[in-house]
C-alpha atoms as a PDB file:
ATOM      1  CA  ASP A   1     -16.032  -5.513   2.336  1.00  0.00           C
ATOM      2  CA  ASN A   2     -12.708  -4.508   3.610  1.00  0.00           C
ATOM      3  CA  SER A   3     -12.505  -0.846   2.235  1.00  0.00           C
ATOM      4  CA  SER A   4     -12.093   0.789   5.783  1.00  0.00           C
ATOM      5  CA  ARG A   5      -9.105  -1.345   7.060  1.00  0.00           C
ATOM      6  CA  PHE A   6      -7.800   2.146   8.282  1.00  0.00           C
ATOM      7  CA  GLY A   7      -8.475   5.342  10.358  1.00  0.00           C
ATOM      8  CA  LYS A   8      -8.918   8.646   8.636  1.00  0.00           C
ATOM      9  CA  TYR A   9      -8.795  12.137  10.201  1.00  0.00           C
ATOM     10  CA  THR A  10     -10.700  14.825   7.897  1.00  0.00           C
ATOM     11  CA  GLU A  11     -10.235  18.500   8.449  1.00  0.00           C
ATOM     12  CA  LEU A  12     -13.042  20.777   6.008  1.00  0.00           C
ATOM     13  CA  MET A  13     -12.273  24.041   6.041  1.00  0.00           C
ATOM     14  CA  PHE A  14     -15.030  27.095   5.580  1.00  0.00           C
ATOM     15  CA  ASN A  15     -14.635  30.529   5.002  1.00  0.00           C
ATOM     16  CA  GLU A  16     -16.824  33.394   6.744  1.00  0.00           C
ATOM     17  CA  GLN A  17     -19.881  32.618   4.740  1.00  0.00           C
ATOM     18  CA  GLY A  18     -19.682  28.803   5.618  1.00  0.00           C
ATOM     19  CA  HIS A  19     -18.624  27.819   2.447  1.00  0.00           C
ATOM     20  CA  VAL A  20     -16.089  24.886   1.605  1.00  0.00           C
ATOM     21  CA  LEU A  21     -12.778  25.993   1.065  1.00  0.00           C
ATOM     22  CA  GLY A  22     -11.043  22.487   0.844  1.00  0.00           C
ATOM     23  CA  ALA A  23     -10.374  19.733   2.889  1.00  0.00           C
ATOM     24  CA  ARG A  24      -7.299  17.706   4.122  1.00  0.00           C
ATOM     25  CA  ILE A  25      -7.160  13.736   5.143  1.00  0.00           C
ATOM     26  CA  SER A  26      -4.742  12.218   7.532  1.00  0.00           C
ATOM     27  CA  GLU A  27      -4.548   8.407   7.268  1.00  0.00           C
ATOM     28  CA  TYR A  28      -3.805   6.769  10.419  1.00  0.00           C
ATOM     29  CA  LEU A  29      -3.345   2.632  11.389  1.00  0.00           C
ATOM     30  CA  LEU A  30      -3.489   1.210   7.882  1.00  0.00           C
ATOM     31  CA  GLU A  31      -3.980  -2.328   8.524  1.00  0.00           C
ATOM     32  CA  LYS A  32      -0.581  -3.402   6.338  1.00  0.00           C
ATOM     33  CA  SER A  33      -0.533  -7.057   8.275  1.00  0.00           C
ATOM     34  CA  ARG A  34      -3.729  -7.800   5.918  1.00  0.00           C
ATOM     35  CA  VAL A  35      -1.504  -7.873   2.798  1.00  0.00           C
ATOM     36  CA  VAL A  36       0.720 -10.623   3.821  1.00  0.00           C
ATOM     37  CA  GLY A  37      -2.051 -12.624   5.893  1.00  0.00           C
ATOM     38  CA  GLN A  38      -5.867 -12.884   6.493  1.00  0.00           C
ATOM     39  CA  GLN A  39      -7.619 -14.482   8.984  1.00  0.00           C
ATOM     40  CA  GLU A  40      -9.427 -17.551   8.142  1.00  0.00           C
ATOM     41  CA  GLY A  41     -12.121 -16.912   5.727  1.00  0.00           C
ATOM     42  CA  GLU A  42     -10.814 -13.557   5.076  1.00  0.00           C
ATOM     43  CA  GLN A  43      -9.784 -11.379   2.043  1.00  0.00           C
ATOM     44  CA  ASN A  44      -6.944  -9.502   1.134  1.00  0.00           C
ATOM     45  CA  PHE A  45      -7.211  -5.862   0.103  1.00  0.00           C
ATOM     46  CA  HIS A  46      -9.642  -5.733  -2.880  1.00  0.00           C
ATOM     47  CA  ILE A  47      -7.597  -3.681  -4.967  1.00  0.00           C
ATOM     48  CA  LEU A  48      -5.127  -6.720  -5.035  1.00  0.00           C
ATOM     49  CA  TYR A  49      -7.822  -8.933  -6.647  1.00  0.00           C
ATOM     50  CA  TYR A  50      -8.716  -5.928  -9.087  1.00  0.00           C
ATOM     51  CA  LEU A  51      -5.609  -5.588 -10.303  1.00  0.00           C
ATOM     52  CA  PHE A  52      -5.703  -8.713 -12.360  1.00  0.00           C
ATOM     53  CA  ALA A  53      -8.617  -7.341 -14.661  1.00  0.00           C
ATOM     54  CA  THR A  54      -6.033  -5.050 -16.146  1.00  0.00           C
ATOM     55  CA  PRO A  55      -6.134  -5.130 -20.050  1.00  0.00           C
ATOM     56  CA  ASN A  56      -2.420  -5.911 -19.684  1.00  0.00           C
ATOM     57  CA  PRO A  57      -1.879  -8.467 -17.406  1.00  0.00           C
ATOM     58  CA  ASP A  58       1.682  -9.671 -19.165  1.00  0.00           C
ATOM     59  CA  LYS A  59       2.851  -6.189 -18.678  1.00  0.00           C
ATOM     60  CA  TYR A  60       2.848  -6.921 -15.131  1.00  0.00           C
ATOM     61  CA  PHE A  61       3.775 -10.458 -15.333  1.00  0.00           C
ATOM     62  CA  LEU A  62       0.494 -11.499 -13.984  1.00  0.00           C
ATOM     63  CA  GLU A  63      -1.012 -15.056 -14.024  1.00  0.00           C
ATOM     64  CA  SER A  64      -4.277 -16.327 -12.154  1.00  0.00           C
ATOM     65  CA  PRO A  65      -4.727 -14.732  -8.653  1.00  0.00           C
ATOM     66  CA  ASP A  66      -4.733 -18.086  -7.195  1.00  0.00           C
ATOM     67  CA  SER A  67      -0.933 -18.865  -8.041  1.00  0.00           C
ATOM     68  CA  TYR A  68       0.111 -16.019  -5.579  1.00  0.00           C
ATOM     69  CA  ALA A  69       0.450 -16.674  -1.734  1.00  0.00           C
ATOM     70  CA  TYR A  70      -0.869 -13.566  -0.594  1.00  0.00           C
ATOM     71  CA  LEU A  71      -4.157 -14.204  -2.576  1.00  0.00           C
ATOM     72  CA  SER A  72      -4.688 -18.129  -2.112  1.00  0.00           C
ATOM     73  CA  ASN A  73      -6.478 -17.258   1.202  1.00  0.00           C
ATOM     74  CA  ILE A  74     -10.080 -17.537  -0.459  1.00  0.00           C
ATOM     75  CA  ASP A  75     -11.101 -18.089  -4.058  1.00  0.00           C
ATOM     76  CA  GLY A  76     -11.145 -14.697  -4.883  1.00  0.00           C
ATOM     77  CA  VAL A  77     -13.770 -11.791  -4.042  1.00  0.00           C
ATOM     78  CA  ASP A  78     -17.537 -11.886  -4.842  1.00  0.00           C
ATOM     79  CA  VAL A  79     -17.545  -9.045  -7.005  1.00  0.00           C
ATOM     80  CA  ASP A  80     -16.976  -8.203 -10.454  1.00  0.00           C
ATOM     81  CA  ILE A  81     -13.550  -7.074 -11.033  1.00  0.00           C
ATOM     82  CA  GLU A  82     -13.409  -5.913 -14.287  1.00  0.00           C
ATOM     83  CA  SER A  83     -16.167  -3.470 -13.633  1.00  0.00           C
ATOM     84  CA  MET A  84     -14.326  -2.411 -10.183  1.00  0.00           C
ATOM     85  CA  PHE A  85     -11.056  -1.979 -11.707  1.00  0.00           C
ATOM     86  CA  GLU A  86     -12.448   0.639 -14.051  1.00  0.00           C
ATOM     87  CA  GLU A  87     -14.414   2.402 -11.629  1.00  0.00           C
ATOM     88  CA  VAL A  88     -10.731   2.406  -9.590  1.00  0.00           C
ATOM     89  CA  MET A  89      -9.002   3.703 -12.354  1.00  0.00           C
ATOM     90  CA  ARG A  90     -11.358   6.093 -13.236  1.00  0.00           C
ATOM     91  CA  ALA A  91     -11.586   7.528  -9.779  1.00  0.00           C
ATOM     92  CA  LEU A  92      -8.019   8.021 -10.110  1.00  0.00           C
ATOM     93  CA  ARG A  93      -8.245  10.031 -13.306  1.00  0.00           C
ATOM     94  CA  ASP A  94     -10.916  12.094 -11.819  1.00  0.00           C
ATOM     95  CA  VAL A  95      -8.650  13.384  -8.759  1.00  0.00           C
ATOM     96  CA  GLY A  96      -5.759  13.812 -10.942  1.00  0.00           C
ATOM     97  CA  PHE A  97      -3.816  11.034 -11.206  1.00  0.00           C
ATOM     98  CA  SER A  98      -1.923  11.023 -14.869  1.00  0.00           C
ATOM     99  CA  ASP A  99      -1.729   7.930 -17.004  1.00  0.00           C
ATOM    100  CA  LEU A 100       1.982   7.262 -16.037  1.00  0.00           C
ATOM    101  CA  GLU A 101       1.029   7.588 -12.093  1.00  0.00           C
ATOM    102  CA  ARG A 102      -1.791   4.940 -12.523  1.00  0.00           C
ATOM    103  CA  ASP A 103       0.593   2.746 -14.474  1.00  0.00           C
ATOM    104  CA  GLU A 104       3.010   3.119 -11.388  1.00  0.00           C
ATOM    105  CA  VAL A 105       0.279   1.972  -9.188  1.00  0.00           C
ATOM    106  CA  LEU A 106      -0.695  -0.926 -10.779  1.00  0.00           C
ATOM    107  CA  SER A 107       3.273  -1.478 -10.979  1.00  0.00           C
ATOM    108  CA  VAL A 108       3.799  -1.403  -7.170  1.00  0.00           C
ATOM    109  CA  LEU A 109       0.649  -3.304  -6.661  1.00  0.00           C
ATOM    110  CA  ALA A 110       1.791  -6.273  -9.160  1.00  0.00           C
ATOM    111  CA  ALA A 111       5.054  -6.296  -7.256  1.00  0.00           C
ATOM    112  CA  ILE A 112       3.801  -6.908  -4.147  1.00  0.00           C
ATOM    113  CA  VAL A 113       1.941 -10.071  -5.207  1.00  0.00           C
ATOM    114  CA  HIS A 114       4.871 -11.171  -6.520  1.00  0.00           C
ATOM    115  CA  ILE A 115       7.172 -10.658  -3.349  1.00  0.00           C
ATOM    116  CA  GLY A 116       4.730 -13.130  -1.723  1.00  0.00           C
ATOM    117  CA  ASN A 117       6.010 -16.125  -4.182  1.00  0.00           C
ATOM    118  CA  ILE A 118       9.854 -15.516  -3.245  1.00  0.00           C
ATOM    119  CA  LYS A 119      10.923 -18.229  -1.487  1.00  0.00           C
ATOM    120  CA  PHE A 120      14.316 -19.480   0.259  1.00  0.00           C
ATOM    121  CA  GLN A 121      16.467 -22.255   0.694  1.00  0.00           C
ATOM    122  CA  THR A 122      18.667 -23.050   3.464  1.00  0.00           C
ATOM    123  CA  SER A 123      20.398 -26.473   4.655  1.00  0.00           C
ATOM    124  CA  SER A 124      18.706 -26.144   8.120  1.00  0.00           C
ATOM    125  CA  ARG A 125      16.323 -23.775   9.893  1.00  0.00           C
ATOM    126  CA  LEU A 126      19.458 -21.445  11.203  1.00  0.00           C
ATOM    127  CA  ASP A 127      21.752 -21.343   8.394  1.00  0.00           C
ATOM    128  CA  PRO A 128      22.066 -18.345   6.024  1.00  0.00           C
ATOM    129  CA  VAL A 129      19.717 -18.507   3.270  1.00  0.00           C
ATOM    130  CA  ARG A 130      19.461 -17.935  -0.319  1.00  0.00           C
ATOM    131  CA  ILE A 131      16.728 -17.119  -2.895  1.00  0.00           C
ATOM    132  CA  ASP A 132      15.539 -20.589  -4.386  1.00  0.00           C
ATOM    133  CA  ARG A 133      15.963 -20.821  -8.028  1.00  0.00           C
ATOM    134  CA  ASP A 134      12.407 -21.472  -8.626  1.00  0.00           C
ATOM    135  CA  SER A 135      11.902 -17.875  -7.751  1.00  0.00           C
ATOM    136  CA  ASP A 136      14.410 -16.376 -10.088  1.00  0.00           C
ATOM    137  CA  ASN A 137      11.222 -15.236 -12.432  1.00  0.00           C
ATOM    138  CA  GLU A 138       9.558 -13.757  -9.599  1.00  0.00           C
ATOM    139  CA  VAL A 139      12.624 -11.652  -8.514  1.00  0.00           C
ATOM    140  CA  MET A 140      13.149 -10.594 -12.079  1.00  0.00           C
ATOM    141  CA  ALA A 141       9.371  -9.402 -12.299  1.00  0.00           C
ATOM    142  CA  VAL A 142       9.663  -7.389  -9.011  1.00  0.00           C
ATOM    143  CA  SER A 143      12.971  -5.621  -9.995  1.00  0.00           C
ATOM    144  CA  LYS A 144      11.246  -4.390 -13.042  1.00  0.00           C
ATOM    145  CA  LEU A 145       8.419  -3.599 -11.920  1.00  0.00           C
ATOM    146  CA  LEU A 146      10.004  -1.403  -9.218  1.00  0.00           C
ATOM    147  CA  GLN A 147      12.837  -0.523 -11.670  1.00  0.00           C
ATOM    148  CA  ILE A 148      15.654  -1.485  -9.413  1.00  0.00           C
ATOM    149  CA  GLU A 149      18.767  -3.406  -9.932  1.00  0.00           C
ATOM    150  CA  GLU A 150      18.027  -7.538  -9.302  1.00  0.00           C
ATOM    151  CA  GLN A 151      21.117  -7.874  -7.334  1.00  0.00           C
ATOM    152  CA  GLN A 152      19.895  -5.181  -4.962  1.00  0.00           C
ATOM    153  CA  LEU A 153      16.424  -6.622  -4.387  1.00  0.00           C
ATOM    154  CA  ARG A 154      18.247 -10.034  -3.471  1.00  0.00           C
ATOM    155  CA  ASN A 155      20.757  -8.497  -1.247  1.00  0.00           C
ATOM    156  CA  ALA A 156      17.883  -6.721   0.770  1.00  0.00           C
ATOM    157  CA  LEU A 157      15.891 -10.123   0.944  1.00  0.00           C
ATOM    158  CA  CYS A 158      18.910 -11.956   2.148  1.00  0.00           C
ATOM    159  CA  TYR A 159      21.014  -9.462   4.220  1.00  0.00           C
ATOM    160  CA  SER A 160      20.559  -6.788   7.081  1.00  0.00           C
ATOM    161  CA  VAL A 161      23.066  -4.141   6.754  1.00  0.00           C
ATOM    162  CA  MET A 162      24.128  -1.870   9.703  1.00  0.00           C
ATOM    163  CA  TYR A 163      26.372   1.111   9.177  1.00  0.00           C
ATOM    164  CA  MET A 164      28.464   2.264  11.980  1.00  0.00           C
ATOM    165  CA  LYS A 165      30.804   4.898  12.326  1.00  0.00           C
ATOM    166  CA  ASP A 166      33.749   3.330  10.748  1.00  0.00           C
ATOM    167  CA  GLU A 167      32.451  -0.025   9.276  1.00  0.00           C
ATOM    168  CA  THR A 168      29.424  -1.675   7.541  1.00  0.00           C
ATOM    169  CA  VAL A 169      28.204  -4.826   8.795  1.00  0.00           C
ATOM    170  CA  LYS A 170      26.598  -7.310   6.607  1.00  0.00           C
ATOM    171  CA  ARG A 171      24.939 -10.088   7.975  1.00  0.00           C
ATOM    172  CA  GLN A 172      23.005 -13.203   6.230  1.00  0.00           C
ATOM    173  CA  TYR A 173      19.529 -13.699   7.366  1.00  0.00           C
ATOM    174  CA  HIS A 174      18.403 -17.465   8.255  1.00  0.00           C
ATOM    175  CA  MET A 175      15.110 -18.531   7.421  1.00  0.00           C
ATOM    176  CA  ALA A 176      12.619 -16.844   9.484  1.00  0.00           C
ATOM    177  CA  GLN A 177      14.431 -13.639   9.344  1.00  0.00           C
ATOM    178  CA  ALA A 178      14.218 -13.786   5.483  1.00  0.00           C
ATOM    179  CA  ILE A 179      10.561 -14.383   5.382  1.00  0.00           C
ATOM    180  CA  ASP A 180      10.228 -11.682   7.897  1.00  0.00           C
ATOM    181  CA  SER A 181      12.212  -9.336   5.602  1.00  0.00           C
ATOM    182  CA  ARG A 182      10.316 -10.204   2.663  1.00  0.00           C
ATOM    183  CA  ASP A 183       6.635  -9.564   4.175  1.00  0.00           C
ATOM    184  CA  ALA A 184       7.962  -6.619   5.841  1.00  0.00           C
ATOM    185  CA  MET A 185       8.973  -5.098   2.319  1.00  0.00           C
ATOM    186  CA  ALA A 186       5.869  -6.121   1.006  1.00  0.00           C
ATOM    187  CA  LYS A 187       3.718  -4.138   3.780  1.00  0.00           C
ATOM    188  CA  THR A 188       6.167  -1.448   3.369  1.00  0.00           C
ATOM    189  CA  LEU A 189       5.540  -1.070  -0.311  1.00  0.00           C
ATOM    190  CA  TYR A 190       1.703  -0.959   0.208  1.00  0.00           C
ATOM    191  CA  GLY A 191       1.790   1.195   3.106  1.00  0.00           C
ATOM    192  CA  ARG A 192       4.200   3.812   1.314  1.00  0.00           C
ATOM    193  CA  LEU A 193       1.810   3.820  -2.017  1.00  0.00           C
ATOM    194  CA  PHE A 194      -1.394   4.316   0.305  1.00  0.00           C
ATOM    195  CA  GLY A 195       0.019   7.230   1.862  1.00  0.00           C
ATOM    196  CA  TRP A 196       1.119   8.477  -1.627  1.00  0.00           C
ATOM    197  CA  ILE A 197      -2.158   8.314  -2.840  1.00  0.00           C
ATOM    198  CA  VAL A 198      -3.797  10.059   0.051  1.00  0.00           C
ATOM    199  CA  SER A 199      -0.694  12.816  -0.234  1.00  0.00           C
ATOM    200  CA  ASN A 200      -2.006  13.343  -4.059  1.00  0.00           C
ATOM    201  CA  ILE A 201      -5.445  13.430  -3.273  1.00  0.00           C
ATOM    202  CA  ASN A 202      -4.831  16.241  -0.488  1.00  0.00           C
ATOM    203  CA  LYS A 203      -3.474  18.352  -3.073  1.00  0.00           C
ATOM    204  CA  LEU A 204      -6.698  18.334  -5.124  1.00  0.00           C
ATOM    205  CA  LEU A 205      -8.567  19.025  -2.285  1.00  0.00           C
ATOM    206  CA  ALA A 206      -6.260  21.759  -0.625  1.00  0.00           C
ATOM    207  CA  PRO A 207      -7.957  25.234  -0.140  1.00  0.00           C
ATOM    208  CA  GLN A 208      -7.030  27.721  -3.155  1.00  0.00           C
ATOM    209  CA  SER A 209      -6.859  31.389  -3.098  1.00  0.00           C
ATOM    210  CA  LYS A 210      -8.620  33.597  -5.662  1.00  0.00           C
ATOM    211  CA  ALA A 211      -5.837  34.275  -7.627  1.00  0.00           C
ATOM    212  CA  ALA A 212      -6.002  30.045  -8.538  1.00  0.00           C
ATOM    213  CA  PHE A 213      -9.125  30.638 -10.573  1.00  0.00           C
ATOM    214  CA  LYS A 214      -6.967  32.876 -13.114  1.00  0.00           C
ATOM    215  CA  GLY A 215      -4.456  29.290 -14.182  1.00  0.00           C
ATOM    216  CA  PRO A 216      -2.445  26.820 -12.716  1.00  0.00           C
ATOM    217  CA  ALA A 217       0.624  29.713 -12.267  1.00  0.00           C
ATOM    218  CA  ALA A 218      -1.344  31.217  -9.952  1.00  0.00           C
ATOM    219  CA  ARG A 219      -2.565  28.493  -7.782  1.00  0.00           C
ATOM    220  CA  ARG A 220      -1.320  28.429  -4.120  1.00  0.00           C
ATOM    221  CA  PRO A 221      -2.610  27.399  -1.070  1.00  0.00           C
ATOM    222  CA  ALA A 222      -5.176  29.700   0.707  1.00  0.00           C
ATOM    223  CA  ASP A 223      -4.435  31.256   4.476  1.00  0.00           C
ATOM    224  CA  THR A 224      -6.819  29.010   6.439  1.00  0.00           C
ATOM    225  CA  THR A 225      -6.108  30.407   9.449  1.00  0.00           C
ATOM    226  CA  LYS A 226      -8.982  32.894   9.241  1.00  0.00           C
ATOM    227  CA  HIS A 227     -11.408  30.177   9.033  1.00  0.00           C
ATOM    228  CA  GLY A 228     -13.158  27.529  10.423  1.00  0.00           C
ATOM    229  CA  ILE A 229     -12.310  24.173  10.493  1.00  0.00           C
ATOM    230  CA  ILE A 230     -14.517  20.861  11.290  1.00  0.00           C
ATOM    231  CA  GLY A 231     -12.542  17.548  12.295  1.00  0.00           C
ATOM    232  CA  ILE A 232     -14.182  14.385  11.221  1.00  0.00           C
ATOM    233  CA  LEU A 233     -12.387  11.354  12.733  1.00  0.00           C
ATOM    234  CA  ASP A 234     -13.334   8.088  11.174  1.00  0.00           C
ATOM    235  CA  ILE A 235     -11.869   5.041  12.591  1.00  0.00           C
ATOM    236  CA  PHE A 236     -13.032   1.356  11.769  1.00  0.00           C
ATOM    237  CA  GLY A 237     -15.006  -0.649  14.823  1.00  0.00           C
ATOM    238  CA  PHE A 238     -14.088  -2.761  17.384  1.00  0.00           C
ATOM    239  CA  GLU A 239     -13.414  -6.334  16.121  1.00  0.00           C
ATOM    240  CA  HIS A 240     -12.167  -9.455  18.354  1.00  0.00           C
ATOM    241  CA  PHE A 241     -10.585 -11.980  16.416  1.00  0.00           C
ATOM    242  CA  ALA A 242      -8.788 -15.555  17.825  1.00  0.00           C
ATOM    243  CA  GLU A 243      -5.737 -13.506  16.863  1.00  0.00           C
ATOM    244  CA  ASN A 244      -5.789  -9.770  16.935  1.00  0.00           C
ATOM    245  CA  ARG A 245      -2.820  -8.298  15.170  1.00  0.00           C
ATOM    246  CA  PHE A 246      -1.209  -5.238  16.319  1.00  0.00           C
ATOM    247  CA  GLU A 247      -2.780  -2.575  14.105  1.00  0.00           C
ATOM    248  CA  GLN A 248      -6.457  -4.134  15.502  1.00  0.00           C
ATOM    249  CA  TRP A 249      -5.322  -3.931  19.019  1.00  0.00           C
ATOM    250  CA  CYS A 250      -4.575  -0.614  18.749  1.00  0.00           C
ATOM    251  CA  ILE A 251      -8.242   0.145  17.096  1.00  0.00           C
ATOM    252  CA  ASN A 252      -9.691  -1.788  20.122  1.00  0.00           C
ATOM    253  CA  LEU A 253      -7.830   0.406  22.425  1.00  0.00           C
ATOM    254  CA  ALA A 254      -8.768   3.669  20.527  1.00  0.00           C
ATOM    255  CA  ASN A 255     -12.506   2.237  20.399  1.00  0.00           C
ATOM    256  CA  GLU A 256     -12.372   1.735  23.983  1.00  0.00           C
ATOM    257  CA  GLN A 257     -11.158   4.851  25.247  1.00  0.00           C
END
């Protein structure tokens, strides 16, 4: 189970009578590197497998999980992805995510798995790259899922742009840089999506004043400066792999301290 691949700090807020008023979650060291590569025999984040249980796979341009590079390390996961998909969707609904927001979550997740299948062409290792024509469908899928222009996506994958005082410098990637750029895009999307979900959950958990019970228009955060707070740090444990990635190194250091 890789559900705890991040550290979190939770603050529970109490009133003078000891009743819980609300909570706030801060997340740290999300293991984004797992999105684009896993240790031998390990799985990617389970939600990327549950995605394929959506009742509308064509909407997200999805085929079978084993056809995607980011998910091909193992042959799926040993859980019922249909029931887990429903559980995740139900949980999102219960904490206040609208149908549109849940669809946006699935669109970003689908874009991530498609990004991993984008390949590049070059005449030699250090020459400028271009996107392989066999990846045109993947580029189209990602651009539609993220609602961006296809040419903008191609430029982001193949070029770096530096803005200086009086000029703009555009430099084309070589093969290693393009692959790093592609994987960085996938990791950033996953990290931003994760943070957005946590932020929305915090809105639900935020302590409210008594006026909040008079209706949505009166909803406002309560003053927590006069109340007690208990902080709970939950950070996953020390692990020693043949190759420890940066996030795991930070976790190991924190545990040793």
